């Protein structure tokens, strides 16, 4: 894996928490900060890309009317309740 350097300003409280976590996990502040940023970016990008896909589906007419969606959801709930 390649890496690059980036300077990040964060509240003192956040740095203090990272230092405590580093002490508990024997990891460096740099490792923990990089992992946190990478995890955040992956999670948020997934949300944004999901929204983009949904908007594209809506624009292309690939939608289910509300009443039909609710009927399907209720049917699924009913089926699931019967199998327990």
Protein backbone atom coordinates (compact mmCIF):
# COMPACT_ATOMS: atom_id res chain seq x y z
CA UNK A 1 0.00 0.00 0.00
CA UNK A 2 1.29 3.43 -0.87
CA UNK A 3 0.74 6.37 1.42
CA UNK A 4 1.03 10.12 1.43
CA UNK A 5 1.37 12.81 4.07
CA UNK A 6 -1.50 15.08 5.07
CA UNK A 7 -1.73 17.65 7.85
CA UNK A 8 -4.98 17.62 9.82
CA UNK A 9 -6.12 20.04 12.50
CA UNK A 10 -8.35 18.52 15.15
CA UNK A 11 -9.64 19.54 18.54
CA UNK A 12 -7.33 18.90 21.48
CA UNK A 13 -9.97 16.62 22.99
CA UNK A 14 -9.92 14.40 19.88
CA UNK A 15 -6.11 14.19 19.98
CA UNK A 16 -6.24 13.32 23.69
CA UNK A 17 -8.66 10.49 22.95
CA UNK A 18 -6.45 9.21 20.12
CA UNK A 19 -3.47 9.25 22.52
CA UNK A 20 -5.42 7.24 25.10
CA UNK A 21 -6.50 4.78 22.42
CA UNK A 22 -2.92 4.53 21.14
CA UNK A 23 -1.78 3.64 24.64
CA UNK A 24 -4.40 0.90 24.95
CA UNK A 25 -3.78 -0.59 21.50
CA UNK A 26 -0.03 -0.08 21.09
CA UNK A 27 -0.69 1.75 17.82
CA UNK A 28 0.73 5.10 16.74
CA UNK A 29 -1.35 8.26 16.55
CA UNK A 30 -0.60 8.35 12.84
CA UNK A 31 -1.90 4.82 12.32
CA UNK A 32 -5.09 5.46 14.28
CA UNK A 33 -5.78 8.79 12.56
CA UNK A 34 -5.15 7.30 9.12
CA UNK A 35 -7.44 4.35 9.88
CA UNK A 36 -10.19 6.63 11.18
CA UNK A 37 -10.02 8.90 8.13
CA UNK A 38 -9.94 5.96 5.72
CA UNK A 39 -12.93 4.30 7.44
CA UNK A 40 -14.88 7.57 7.45
CA UNK A 41 -14.17 8.26 3.77
CA UNK A 42 -15.19 4.73 2.75
CA UNK A 43 -18.43 4.86 4.76
CA UNK A 44 -19.45 8.33 3.59
CA UNK A 45 -18.51 7.67 -0.03
CA UNK A 46 -20.67 4.54 0.05
CA UNK A 47 -23.63 6.61 1.27
CA UNK A 48 -23.12 9.34 -1.35
CA UNK A 49 -22.71 6.82 -4.17
CA UNK A 50 -25.86 4.99 -3.01
CA UNK A 51 -27.79 8.24 -3.14
CA UNK A 52 -26.43 8.91 -6.64
CA UNK A 53 -27.59 5.44 -7.76
CA UNK A 54 -31.03 6.01 -6.26
CA UNK A 55 -31.37 9.38 -7.99
CA UNK A 56 -30.33 7.80 -11.29
CA UNK A 57 -32.91 5.04 -10.78
CA UNK A 58 -35.62 7.61 -10.05
CA UNK A 59 -34.66 9.68 -13.10
CA UNK A 60 -34.83 6.54 -15.27
CA UNK A 61 -38.24 5.61 -13.87
CA UNK A 62 -36.97 2.56 -11.97
CA UNK A 63 -39.20 3.17 -8.97
CA UNK A 64 -41.96 1.37 -7.08
CA UNK A 65 -45.02 3.40 -6.07
CA UNK A 66 -45.40 3.90 -2.32
CA UNK A 67 -48.55 1.78 -1.99
CA UNK A 68 -46.88 -1.15 -3.81
CA UNK A 69 -43.72 -0.85 -1.70
CA UNK A 70 -45.77 -0.90 1.49
CA UNK A 71 -47.74 -3.94 0.27
CA UNK A 72 -44.48 -5.79 -0.40
CA UNK A 73 -43.04 -4.84 2.97
CA UNK A 74 -46.19 -5.98 4.80
CA UNK A 75 -46.21 -9.28 2.87
CA UNK A 76 -42.57 -9.88 3.80
CA UNK A 77 -43.27 -9.12 7.46
CA UNK A 78 -46.29 -11.43 7.42
CA UNK A 79 -44.24 -14.26 5.85
CA UNK A 80 -41.42 -13.81 8.31
CA UNK A 81 -43.82 -13.86 11.24
CA UNK A 82 -45.31 -17.15 10.01
CA UNK A 83 -41.96 -18.93 9.86
CA UNK A 84 -41.10 -18.30 13.49
